[in-house]
Amino acid sequence: MLDLARLRALHAVATHGSVGAAATALGYTPSAISQQIAKLERETGATLLERRGRGVVLTDAAHLLASTAGQVLALVERAEVALEEQRGEAVGELRVGAFATAARGLLPAVLVRLAADHPALDLRLVELDPPDGLGAVARGELDVAVTHDWVNAPLAVPEQVSRTRLGEDVADVLLPVAHPLADRASLVPEDLAGERWICQPEGTICHDWLVNTFRGAGHEPDLAYRVLEYQTQLALLARGVGVALLPRLGRGALPPGVRAVPFLPTPTRRVFAVWRTQAARRPAVSATVAALRSCWDERETA
């Protein structure tokens, strides 16, 4: 009988294109994934991976087995959902993904609540950008994810994924206190033309939103400082470097040298919980979505 964990490892390599990417997706080391594949090769008597340059490629036998593995894993998930639904309890491993500010500003309360209300849950958290979290849910690598998008930078949702909106997260323009615009009641794109922006790197949703917003107003933003972590952006602002637009979720208290000014029209990102539609009946999934909703509401009214 073929080992399910080894089939999962092969399926992940086929899905993600490399041993390293598969290891990241499954939460293992590349060495552990390679060992699983080697054992699967011995079980099947077939070569599954071949060296090519610095990487590996799947053989024809591996592609055939990986396709079958995907069907087997889907059947196993359906069986797990049915059993958990029959018990009517949230049990087992529950894998949650969240983008950085949600992981900081929302998930601590959610994880504490779930641990208290459902002690049989084995909770796991991974930080992922929204597109990556959405893809991981669609592939079955995560059970639930918290994602976001902007109206002018929408995030496409795969057909097999369901979602519910948790709420909206407002963003403000952040400036050093010595900046000439820091005492304004509000700002519009025209006020910030020519400023040197601190923003997230290209390819992120927040980067795309900033570019789309200013191009729509007829200005090309000067993206001088491309920094992924918001806390680093705040450190630059506190030293008088650049201007930024940061959402409030997970932002925390601003440093003494930084001021937040409302931006018009008010930029809001839509925050969602997403899960695979076929797993919607699983009590652990419904409990997690409920905890996300209630903790979001409490965060907004606190």
C-alpha atoms as a PDB file:
ATOM      1  CA  MET A   1       0.000   0.000   0.000  1.00  0.00           C
ATOM      2  CA  LEU A   2       1.329   3.430  -0.904  1.00  0.00           C
ATOM      3  CA  ASP A   3       2.010   5.770   1.995  1.00  0.00           C
ATOM      4  CA  LEU A   4      -0.289   8.814   2.034  1.00  0.00           C
ATOM      5  CA  ALA A   5       2.367  11.206   3.399  1.00  0.00           C
ATOM      6  CA  ARG A   6       4.710  10.235   0.556  1.00  0.00           C
ATOM      7  CA  LEU A   7       1.984  10.749  -2.024  1.00  0.00           C
ATOM      8  CA  ARG A   8       1.322  14.170  -0.499  1.00  0.00           C
ATOM      9  CA  ALA A   9       5.006  15.039  -0.836  1.00  0.00           C
ATOM     10  CA  LEU A  10       5.081  14.038  -4.504  1.00  0.00           C
ATOM     11  CA  HIS A  11       1.854  15.914  -5.213  1.00  0.00           C
ATOM     12  CA  ALA A  12       3.345  19.041  -3.608  1.00  0.00           C
ATOM     13  CA  VAL A  13       6.482  18.809  -5.767  1.00  0.00           C
ATOM     14  CA  ALA A  14       4.322  18.457  -8.871  1.00  0.00           C
ATOM     15  CA  THR A  15       2.136  21.385  -7.819  1.00  0.00           C
ATOM     16  CA  HIS A  16       4.899  23.788  -6.786  1.00  0.00           C
ATOM     17  CA  GLY A  17       7.600  22.780  -9.239  1.00  0.00           C
ATOM     18  CA  SER A  18      10.497  22.078  -6.876  1.00  0.00           C
ATOM     19  CA  VAL A  19      11.426  20.198  -3.725  1.00  0.00           C
ATOM     20  CA  GLY A  20      12.180  23.446  -1.907  1.00  0.00           C
ATOM     21  CA  ALA A  21       8.825  25.021  -2.764  1.00  0.00           C
ATOM     22  CA  ALA A  22       7.007  21.830  -1.776  1.00  0.00           C
ATOM     23  CA  ALA A  23       8.822  21.812   1.561  1.00  0.00           C
ATOM     24  CA  THR A  24       7.786  25.407   2.240  1.00  0.00           C
ATOM     25  CA  ALA A  25       4.160  24.662   1.368  1.00  0.00           C
ATOM     26  CA  LEU A  26       3.975  21.578   3.597  1.00  0.00           C
ATOM     27  CA  GLY A  27       6.041  22.976   6.463  1.00  0.00           C
ATOM     28  CA  TYR A  28       8.911  20.489   6.151  1.00  0.00           C
ATOM     29  CA  THR A  29      12.580  20.722   5.236  1.00  0.00           C
ATOM     30  CA  PRO A  30      13.678  19.988   1.648  1.00  0.00           C
ATOM     31  CA  SER A  31      15.628  17.026   3.024  1.00  0.00           C
ATOM     32  CA  ALA A  32      12.452  15.555   4.533  1.00  0.00           C
ATOM     33  CA  ILE A  33      10.597  15.904   1.223  1.00  0.00           C
ATOM     34  CA  SER A  34      13.488  14.276  -0.664  1.00  0.00           C
ATOM     35  CA  GLN A  35      13.473  11.363   1.800  1.00  0.00           C
ATOM     36  CA  GLN A  36       9.732  10.873   1.327  1.00  0.00           C
ATOM     37  CA  ILE A  37      10.161  10.816  -2.462  1.00  0.00           C
ATOM     38  CA  ALA A  38      13.064   8.357  -2.196  1.00  0.00           C
ATOM     39  CA  LYS A  39      10.943   6.003  -0.087  1.00  0.00           C
ATOM     40  CA  LEU A  40       8.094   6.321  -2.579  1.00  0.00           C
ATOM     41  CA  GLU A  41      10.480   5.390  -5.380  1.00  0.00           C
ATOM     42  CA  ARG A  42      11.444   2.233  -3.492  1.00  0.00           C
ATOM     43  CA  GLU A  43       7.761   1.406  -2.870  1.00  0.00           C
ATOM     44  CA  THR A  44       6.802   1.816  -6.512  1.00  0.00           C
ATOM     45  CA  GLY A  45      10.017   0.580  -8.099  1.00  0.00           C
ATOM     46  CA  ALA A  46       9.963   3.622 -10.379  1.00  0.00           C
ATOM     47  CA  THR A  47      12.185   6.672 -10.777  1.00  0.00           C
ATOM     48  CA  LEU A  48      10.092   9.716  -9.904  1.00  0.00           C
ATOM     49  CA  LEU A  49      12.558  12.616  -9.936  1.00  0.00           C
ATOM     50  CA  GLU A  50      15.436  13.255 -12.308  1.00  0.00           C
ATOM     51  CA  ARG A  51      18.223  15.783 -11.880  1.00  0.00           C
ATOM     52  CA  ARG A  52      18.262  18.593 -14.419  1.00  0.00           C
ATOM     53  CA  GLY A  53      20.764  21.370 -13.838  1.00  0.00           C
ATOM     54  CA  ARG A  54      20.415  22.540 -10.252  1.00  0.00           C
ATOM     55  CA  GLY A  55      16.854  21.288  -9.928  1.00  0.00           C
ATOM     56  CA  VAL A  56      14.732  18.218 -10.523  1.00  0.00           C
ATOM     57  CA  VAL A  57      11.965  17.298 -12.957  1.00  0.00           C
ATOM     58  CA  LEU A  58       9.192  14.754 -12.599  1.00  0.00           C
ATOM     59  CA  THR A  59       9.324  11.642 -14.764  1.00  0.00           C
ATOM     60  CA  ASP A  60       6.304  10.388 -16.700  1.00  0.00           C
ATOM     61  CA  ALA A  61       5.663   7.883 -13.907  1.00  0.00           C
ATOM     62  CA  ALA A  62       5.768  10.708 -11.349  1.00  0.00           C
ATOM     63  CA  HIS A  63       3.259  12.808 -13.297  1.00  0.00           C
ATOM     64  CA  LEU A  64       0.888   9.845 -13.475  1.00  0.00           C
ATOM     65  CA  LEU A  65       1.252   9.095  -9.779  1.00  0.00           C
ATOM     66  CA  ALA A  66       0.949  12.769  -8.778  1.00  0.00           C
ATOM     67  CA  SER A  67      -2.312  13.085 -10.705  1.00  0.00           C
ATOM     68  CA  THR A  68      -3.711  10.033  -8.933  1.00  0.00           C
ATOM     69  CA  ALA A  69      -2.388  11.346  -5.615  1.00  0.00           C
ATOM     70  CA  GLY A  70      -4.413  14.516  -6.076  1.00  0.00           C
ATOM     71  CA  GLN A  71      -7.586  12.458  -6.440  1.00  0.00           C
ATOM     72  CA  VAL A  72      -6.687  10.331  -3.410  1.00  0.00           C
ATOM     73  CA  LEU A  73      -5.978  13.372  -1.239  1.00  0.00           C
ATOM     74  CA  ALA A  74      -9.330  14.897  -2.241  1.00  0.00           C
ATOM     75  CA  LEU A  75     -11.101  11.665  -1.233  1.00  0.00           C
ATOM     76  CA  VAL A  76      -9.274  11.587   2.085  1.00  0.00           C
ATOM     77  CA  GLU A  77     -10.309  15.176   2.784  1.00  0.00           C
ATOM     78  CA  ARG A  78     -13.941  14.358   2.055  1.00  0.00           C
ATOM     79  CA  ALA A  79     -13.750  11.401   4.424  1.00  0.00           C
ATOM     80  CA  GLU A  80     -12.214  13.562   7.150  1.00  0.00           C
ATOM     81  CA  VAL A  81     -14.912  16.200   6.695  1.00  0.00           C
ATOM     82  CA  ALA A  82     -17.660  13.562   6.903  1.00  0.00           C
ATOM     83  CA  LEU A  83     -16.232  12.012  10.069  1.00  0.00           C
ATOM     84  CA  GLU A  84     -15.756  15.351  11.801  1.00  0.00           C
ATOM     85  CA  GLU A  85     -19.239  16.436  10.734  1.00  0.00           C
ATOM     86  CA  GLN A  86     -20.680  13.228  12.190  1.00  0.00           C
ATOM     87  CA  ARG A  87     -18.957  13.869  15.512  1.00  0.00           C
ATOM     88  CA  GLY A  88     -20.174  17.478  15.462  1.00  0.00           C
ATOM     89  CA  GLU A  89     -16.976  18.685  17.134  1.00  0.00           C
ATOM     90  CA  ALA A  90     -14.084  20.849  15.961  1.00  0.00           C
ATOM     91  CA  VAL A  91     -11.157  18.439  16.191  1.00  0.00           C
ATOM     92  CA  GLY A  92      -7.882  17.620  14.460  1.00  0.00           C
ATOM     93  CA  GLU A  93      -5.296  19.817  12.790  1.00  0.00           C
ATOM     94  CA  LEU A  94      -6.486  23.211  11.619  1.00  0.00           C
ATOM     95  CA  ARG A  95      -4.090  25.109   9.329  1.00  0.00           C
ATOM     96  CA  VAL A  96      -4.659  28.852   9.129  1.00  0.00           C
ATOM     97  CA  GLY A  97      -2.891  31.381   6.907  1.00  0.00           C
ATOM     98  CA  ALA A  98      -2.953  35.166   7.232  1.00  0.00           C
ATOM     99  CA  PHE A  99      -1.239  38.174   5.706  1.00  0.00           C
ATOM    100  CA  ALA A 100       1.264  39.948   7.964  1.00  0.00           C
ATOM    101  CA  THR A 101      -0.885  42.641   9.580  1.00  0.00           C
ATOM    102  CA  ALA A 102      -3.788  40.222  10.125  1.00  0.00           C
ATOM    103  CA  ALA A 103      -1.364  37.737  11.696  1.00  0.00           C
ATOM    104  CA  ARG A 104      -0.323  40.508  14.082  1.00  0.00           C
ATOM    105  CA  GLY A 105      -3.563  42.426  14.601  1.00  0.00           C
ATOM    106  CA  LEU A 106      -6.259  39.730  14.433  1.00  0.00           C
ATOM    107  CA  LEU A 107      -4.977  36.155  14.693  1.00  0.00           C
ATOM    108  CA  PRO A 108      -3.631  36.233  18.280  1.00  0.00           C
ATOM    109  CA  ALA A 109      -7.161  36.794  19.609  1.00  0.00           C
ATOM    110  CA  VAL A 110      -8.595  34.207  17.204  1.00  0.00           C
ATOM    111  CA  LEU A 111      -6.095  31.500  18.183  1.00  0.00           C
ATOM    112  CA  VAL A 112      -6.648  32.099  21.896  1.00  0.00           C
ATOM    113  CA  ARG A 113     -10.425  31.885  21.468  1.00  0.00           C
ATOM    114  CA  LEU A 114     -10.282  28.708  19.401  1.00  0.00           C
ATOM    115  CA  ALA A 115      -7.894  27.053  21.870  1.00  0.00           C
ATOM    116  CA  ALA A 116     -10.228  27.885  24.739  1.00  0.00           C
ATOM    117  CA  ASP A 117     -13.484  26.901  23.012  1.00  0.00           C
ATOM    118  CA  HIS A 118     -12.170  23.893  21.059  1.00  0.00           C
ATOM    119  CA  PRO A 119      -9.261  22.296  22.947  1.00  0.00           C
ATOM    120  CA  ALA A 120      -9.228  19.274  20.610  1.00  0.00           C
ATOM    121  CA  LEU A 121      -8.077  21.497  17.724  1.00  0.00           C
ATOM    122  CA  ASP A 122      -4.386  21.384  16.806  1.00  0.00           C
ATOM    123  CA  LEU A 123      -3.943  24.959  15.574  1.00  0.00           C
ATOM    124  CA  ARG A 124      -1.210  25.873  13.064  1.00  0.00           C
ATOM    125  CA  LEU A 125      -0.526  29.370  11.687  1.00  0.00           C
ATOM    126  CA  VAL A 126       1.534  30.472   8.697  1.00  0.00           C
ATOM    127  CA  GLU A 127       2.054  34.041   7.439  1.00  0.00           C
ATOM    128  CA  LEU A 128       1.402  34.425   3.700  1.00  0.00           C
ATOM    129  CA  ASP A 129       0.598  37.224   1.276  1.00  0.00           C
ATOM    130  CA  PRO A 130      -3.075  37.176   0.168  1.00  0.00           C
ATOM    131  CA  PRO A 131      -2.549  35.552  -3.266  1.00  0.00           C
ATOM    132  CA  ASP A 132      -0.335  32.861  -1.707  1.00  0.00           C
ATOM    133  CA  GLY A 133      -2.816  32.200   1.087  1.00  0.00           C
ATOM    134  CA  LEU A 134      -5.682  31.942  -1.375  1.00  0.00           C
ATOM    135  CA  GLY A 135      -3.715  29.518  -3.541  1.00  0.00           C
ATOM    136  CA  ALA A 136      -2.740  27.406  -0.528  1.00  0.00           C
ATOM    137  CA  VAL A 137      -6.404  27.055   0.453  1.00  0.00           C
ATOM    138  CA  ALA A 138      -7.371  26.108  -3.104  1.00  0.00           C
ATOM    139  CA  ARG A 139      -4.670  23.406  -3.163  1.00  0.00           C
ATOM    140  CA  GLY A 140      -5.679  22.017   0.239  1.00  0.00           C
ATOM    141  CA  GLU A 141      -2.474  23.085   2.005  1.00  0.00           C
ATOM    142  CA  LEU A 142      -4.400  25.423   4.326  1.00  0.00           C
ATOM    143  CA  ASP A 143      -7.871  24.980   5.782  1.00  0.00           C
ATOM    144  CA  VAL A 144      -8.690  28.683   6.227  1.00  0.00           C
ATOM    145  CA  ALA A 145      -6.906  31.881   5.243  1.00  0.00           C
ATOM    146  CA  VAL A 146      -7.374  35.577   5.920  1.00  0.00           C
ATOM    147  CA  THR A 147      -6.837  37.576   2.721  1.00  0.00           C
ATOM    148  CA  HIS A 148      -7.478  41.106   1.527  1.00  0.00           C
ATOM    149  CA  ASP A 149      -7.781  43.150  -1.617  1.00  0.00           C
ATOM    150  CA  TRP A 150      -8.516  46.725  -2.726  1.00  0.00           C
ATOM    151  CA  VAL A 151     -11.397  47.819  -4.944  1.00  0.00           C
ATOM    152  CA  ASN A 152      -8.971  48.839  -7.700  1.00  0.00           C
ATOM    153  CA  ALA A 153      -6.745  45.784  -7.155  1.00  0.00           C
ATOM    154  CA  PRO A 154      -9.232  42.885  -6.712  1.00  0.00           C
ATOM    155  CA  LEU A 155      -8.079  39.381  -5.858  1.00  0.00           C
ATOM    156  CA  ALA A 156      -9.490  36.622  -8.081  1.00  0.00           C
ATOM    157  CA  VAL A 157     -11.021  33.751  -6.088  1.00  0.00           C
ATOM    158  CA  PRO A 158     -10.705  30.194  -7.485  1.00  0.00           C
ATOM    159  CA  GLU A 159     -13.956  28.386  -8.243  1.00  0.00           C
ATOM    160  CA  GLN A 160     -13.428  25.798  -5.489  1.00  0.00           C
ATOM    161  CA  VAL A 161     -12.996  28.439  -2.769  1.00  0.00           C
ATOM    162  CA  SER A 162     -15.687  30.189  -0.713  1.00  0.00           C
ATOM    163  CA  ARG A 163     -15.221  33.446   1.158  1.00  0.00           C
ATOM    164  CA  THR A 164     -16.945  35.829   3.535  1.00  0.00           C
ATOM    165  CA  ARG A 165     -16.078  39.457   4.129  1.00  0.00           C
ATOM    166  CA  LEU A 166     -14.893  40.175   7.666  1.00  0.00           C
ATOM    167  CA  GLY A 167     -14.831  43.943   7.227  1.00  0.00           C
ATOM    168  CA  GLU A 168     -12.861  46.860   5.853  1.00  0.00           C
ATOM    169  CA  ASP A 169      -9.477  48.152   6.948  1.00  0.00           C
ATOM    170  CA  VAL A 170      -8.819  51.874   6.483  1.00  0.00           C
ATOM    171  CA  ALA A 171      -5.406  53.216   5.493  1.00  0.00           C
ATOM    172  CA  ASP A 172      -3.888  56.622   6.274  1.00  0.00           C
ATOM    173  CA  VAL A 173      -1.044  58.649   4.850  1.00  0.00           C
ATOM    174  CA  LEU A 174       1.863  58.594   7.294  1.00  0.00           C
ATOM    175  CA  LEU A 175       4.370  61.451   7.308  1.00  0.00           C
ATOM    176  CA  PRO A 176       7.248  62.622   9.506  1.00  0.00           C
ATOM    177  CA  VAL A 177       5.951  65.284  11.929  1.00  0.00           C
ATOM    178  CA  ALA A 178       8.262  67.877  10.355  1.00  0.00           C
ATOM    179  CA  HIS A 179       6.741  67.340   6.902  1.00  0.00           C
ATOM    180  CA  PRO A 180       4.924  70.455   5.563  1.00  0.00           C
ATOM    181  CA  LEU A 181       1.718  68.415   5.070  1.00  0.00           C
ATOM    182  CA  ALA A 182       1.704  66.742   8.485  1.00  0.00           C
ATOM    183  CA  ASP A 183      -0.728  69.246  10.019  1.00  0.00           C
ATOM    184  CA  ARG A 184      -3.320  69.016   7.240  1.00  0.00           C
ATOM    185  CA  ALA A 185      -6.810  67.737   8.122  1.00  0.00           C
ATOM    186  CA  SER A 186      -6.771  65.466   5.061  1.00  0.00           C
ATOM    187  CA  LEU A 187      -4.846  64.863   1.841  1.00  0.00           C
ATOM    188  CA  VAL A 188      -5.701  64.019  -1.765  1.00  0.00           C
ATOM    189  CA  PRO A 189      -3.452  62.464  -4.438  1.00  0.00           C
ATOM    190  CA  GLU A 190      -2.603  65.860  -5.936  1.00  0.00           C
ATOM    191  CA  ASP A 191      -1.148  67.014  -2.586  1.00  0.00           C
ATOM    192  CA  LEU A 192       1.360  64.160  -2.651  1.00  0.00           C
ATOM    193  CA  ALA A 193       2.568  64.431  -6.228  1.00  0.00           C
ATOM    194  CA  GLY A 194       6.369  64.357  -6.280  1.00  0.00           C
ATOM    195  CA  GLU A 195       6.739  62.806  -2.823  1.00  0.00           C
ATOM    196  CA  ARG A 196       9.222  59.975  -2.279  1.00  0.00           C
ATOM    197  CA  TRP A 197       7.134  56.973  -1.256  1.00  0.00           C
ATOM    198  CA  ILE A 198       7.909  54.107   1.079  1.00  0.00           C
ATOM    199  CA  CYS A 199       5.917  51.146  -0.217  1.00  0.00           C
ATOM    200  CA  GLN A 200       5.838  47.382  -0.372  1.00  0.00           C
ATOM    201  CA  PRO A 201       7.760  45.637  -3.183  1.00  0.00           C
ATOM    202  CA  GLU A 202       6.385  45.212  -6.683  1.00  0.00           C
ATOM    203  CA  GLY A 203       3.923  42.350  -7.038  1.00  0.00           C
ATOM    204  CA  THR A 204       2.228  42.872  -3.672  1.00  0.00           C
ATOM    205  CA  ILE A 205      -1.398  43.979  -3.495  1.00  0.00           C
ATOM    206  CA  CYS A 206      -0.591  47.148  -1.524  1.00  0.00           C
ATOM    207  CA  HIS A 207       2.082  48.153  -4.048  1.00  0.00           C
ATOM    208  CA  ASP A 208      -0.364  47.683  -6.935  1.00  0.00           C
ATOM    209  CA  TRP A 209      -3.045  49.667  -5.118  1.00  0.00           C
ATOM    210  CA  LEU A 210      -0.727  52.643  -4.544  1.00  0.00           C
ATOM    211  CA  VAL A 211       0.418  52.702  -8.175  1.00  0.00           C
ATOM    212  CA  ASN A 212      -3.127  52.339  -9.541  1.00  0.00           C
ATOM    213  CA  THR A 213      -4.462  55.082  -7.257  1.00  0.00           C
ATOM    214  CA  PHE A 214      -1.911  57.701  -8.264  1.00  0.00           C
ATOM    215  CA  ARG A 215      -1.876  56.790 -11.935  1.00  0.00           C
ATOM    216  CA  GLY A 216      -5.666  57.136 -11.892  1.00  0.00           C
ATOM    217  CA  ALA A 217      -5.181  60.683 -10.584  1.00  0.00           C
ATOM    218  CA  GLY A 218      -2.672  61.455 -13.329  1.00  0.00           C
ATOM    219  CA  HIS A 219       0.514  61.120 -11.260  1.00  0.00           C
ATOM    220  CA  GLU A 220       3.314  58.562 -11.360  1.00  0.00           C
ATOM    221  CA  PRO A 221       4.378  57.867  -7.750  1.00  0.00           C
ATOM    222  CA  ASP A 222       8.099  57.970  -6.963  1.00  0.00           C
ATOM    223  CA  LEU A 223       8.580  54.581  -5.242  1.00  0.00           C
ATOM    224  CA  ALA A 224      11.934  55.374  -3.665  1.00  0.00           C
ATOM    225  CA  TYR A 225      11.927  52.876  -0.767  1.00  0.00           C
ATOM    226  CA  ARG A 226      10.476  49.409  -1.329  1.00  0.00           C
ATOM    227  CA  VAL A 227      10.136  47.755   2.068  1.00  0.00           C
ATOM    228  CA  LEU A 228       8.029  44.685   2.847  1.00  0.00           C
ATOM    229  CA  GLU A 229       7.688  45.015   6.631  1.00  0.00           C
ATOM    230  CA  TYR A 230       5.471  47.829   7.932  1.00  0.00           C
ATOM    231  CA  GLN A 231       7.499  48.221  11.111  1.00  0.00           C
ATOM    232  CA  THR A 232      10.563  49.014   8.984  1.00  0.00           C
ATOM    233  CA  GLN A 233       8.509  51.569   7.069  1.00  0.00           C
ATOM    234  CA  LEU A 234       7.590  53.208  10.376  1.00  0.00           C
ATOM    235  CA  ALA A 235      11.256  53.274  11.408  1.00  0.00           C
ATOM    236  CA  LEU A 236      12.122  55.157   8.210  1.00  0.00           C
ATOM    237  CA  LEU A 237       9.285  57.623   8.737  1.00  0.00           C
ATOM    238  CA  ALA A 238      10.360  58.246  12.324  1.00  0.00           C
ATOM    239  CA  ARG A 239      13.744  59.325  10.944  1.00  0.00           C
ATOM    240  CA  GLY A 240      12.133  61.747   8.513  1.00  0.00           C
ATOM    241  CA  VAL A 241      12.499  59.524   5.439  1.00  0.00           C
ATOM    242  CA  GLY A 242       9.712  59.426   2.840  1.00  0.00           C
ATOM    243  CA  VAL A 243       5.935  59.196   3.130  1.00  0.00           C
ATOM    244  CA  ALA A 244       3.806  56.049   3.248  1.00  0.00           C
ATOM    245  CA  LEU A 245       0.245  54.806   3.180  1.00  0.00           C
ATOM    246  CA  LEU A 246      -0.377  52.171   5.856  1.00  0.00           C
ATOM    247  CA  PRO A 247      -3.547  50.289   6.856  1.00  0.00           C
ATOM    248  CA  ARG A 248      -4.611  50.463  10.489  1.00  0.00           C
ATOM    249  CA  LEU A 249      -4.924  46.705  11.105  1.00  0.00           C
ATOM    250  CA  GLY A 250      -1.909  45.514  13.060  1.00  0.00           C
ATOM    251  CA  ARG A 251      -0.179  48.900  12.739  1.00  0.00           C
ATOM    252  CA  GLY A 252       0.044  49.552  16.467  1.00  0.00           C
ATOM    253  CA  ALA A 253       0.994  52.846  18.097  1.00  0.00           C
ATOM    254  CA  LEU A 254       2.837  55.273  15.843  1.00  0.00           C
ATOM    255  CA  PRO A 255       6.352  56.382  16.799  1.00  0.00           C
ATOM    256  CA  PRO A 256       6.531  59.921  18.285  1.00  0.00           C
ATOM    257  CA  GLY A 257       7.998  61.328  15.071  1.00  0.00           C
ATOM    258  CA  VAL A 258       5.214  60.056  12.780  1.00  0.00           C
ATOM    259  CA  ARG A 259       1.766  61.491  12.096  1.00  0.00           C
ATOM    260  CA  ALA A 260      -1.233  59.882  10.375  1.00  0.00           C
ATOM    261  CA  VAL A 261      -3.369  62.047   8.074  1.00  0.00           C
ATOM    262  CA  PRO A 262      -6.641  60.856   6.454  1.00  0.00           C
ATOM    263  CA  PHE A 263      -6.465  60.320   2.701  1.00  0.00           C
ATOM    264  CA  LEU A 264      -9.355  61.154   0.350  1.00  0.00           C
ATOM    265  CA  PRO A 265     -11.042  59.276  -1.149  1.00  0.00           C
ATOM    266  CA  THR A 266     -10.658  57.033   1.905  1.00  0.00           C
ATOM    267  CA  PRO A 267      -8.590  53.975   0.955  1.00  0.00           C
ATOM    268  CA  THR A 268     -10.082  50.775   2.359  1.00  0.00           C
ATOM    269  CA  ARG A 269      -9.004  47.223   1.798  1.00  0.00           C
ATOM    270  CA  ARG A 270     -11.551  44.441   2.038  1.00  0.00           C
ATOM    271  CA  VAL A 271     -10.611  41.659   4.441  1.00  0.00           C
ATOM    272  CA  PHE A 272     -11.942  38.140   3.831  1.00  0.00           C
ATOM    273  CA  ALA A 273     -11.888  34.679   5.359  1.00  0.00           C
ATOM    274  CA  VAL A 274     -11.569  31.978   2.676  1.00  0.00           C
ATOM    275  CA  TRP A 275     -11.910  28.184   2.773  1.00  0.00           C
ATOM    276  CA  ARG A 276     -12.456  25.302   0.349  1.00  0.00           C
ATOM    277  CA  THR A 277     -16.145  24.955  -0.425  1.00  0.00           C
ATOM    278  CA  GLN A 278     -16.110  21.175   0.018  1.00  0.00           C
ATOM    279  CA  ALA A 279     -14.764  21.610   3.568  1.00  0.00           C
ATOM    280  CA  ALA A 280     -17.473  24.075   4.618  1.00  0.00           C
ATOM    281  CA  ARG A 281     -19.309  21.384   6.648  1.00  0.00           C
ATOM    282  CA  ARG A 282     -16.237  20.659   8.738  1.00  0.00           C
ATOM    283  CA  PRO A 283     -16.916  21.951  12.284  1.00  0.00           C
ATOM    284  CA  ALA A 284     -13.302  23.128  12.664  1.00  0.00           C
ATOM    285  CA  VAL A 285     -13.658  25.339   9.587  1.00  0.00           C
ATOM    286  CA  SER A 286     -17.005  26.825  10.604  1.00  0.00           C
ATOM    287  CA  ALA A 287     -15.692  27.431  14.159  1.00  0.00           C
ATOM    288  CA  THR A 288     -12.637  29.212  12.793  1.00  0.00           C
ATOM    289  CA  VAL A 289     -14.663  31.436  10.472  1.00  0.00           C
ATOM    290  CA  ALA A 290     -17.000  32.287  13.360  1.00  0.00           C
ATOM    291  CA  ALA A 291     -14.035  33.170  15.584  1.00  0.00           C
ATOM    292  CA  LEU A 292     -12.571  35.376  12.852  1.00  0.00           C
ATOM    293  CA  ARG A 293     -15.870  37.228  12.502  1.00  0.00           C
ATOM    294  CA  SER A 294     -16.361  37.811  16.225  1.00  0.00           C
ATOM    295  CA  CYS A 295     -12.746  38.836  16.883  1.00  0.00           C
ATOM    296  CA  TRP A 296     -12.862  41.232  13.931  1.00  0.00           C
ATOM    297  CA  ASP A 297     -16.024  42.864  15.296  1.00  0.00           C
ATOM    298  CA  GLU A 298     -14.508  43.178  18.764  1.00  0.00           C
ATOM    299  CA  ARG A 299     -11.362  44.672  17.283  1.00  0.00           C
ATOM    300  CA  GLU A 300     -13.391  47.289  15.428  1.00  0.00           C
ATOM    301  CA  THR A 301     -15.484  48.282  18.462  1.00  0.00           C
ATOM    302  CA  ALA A 302     -12.680  48.181  21.043  1.00  0.00           C
END
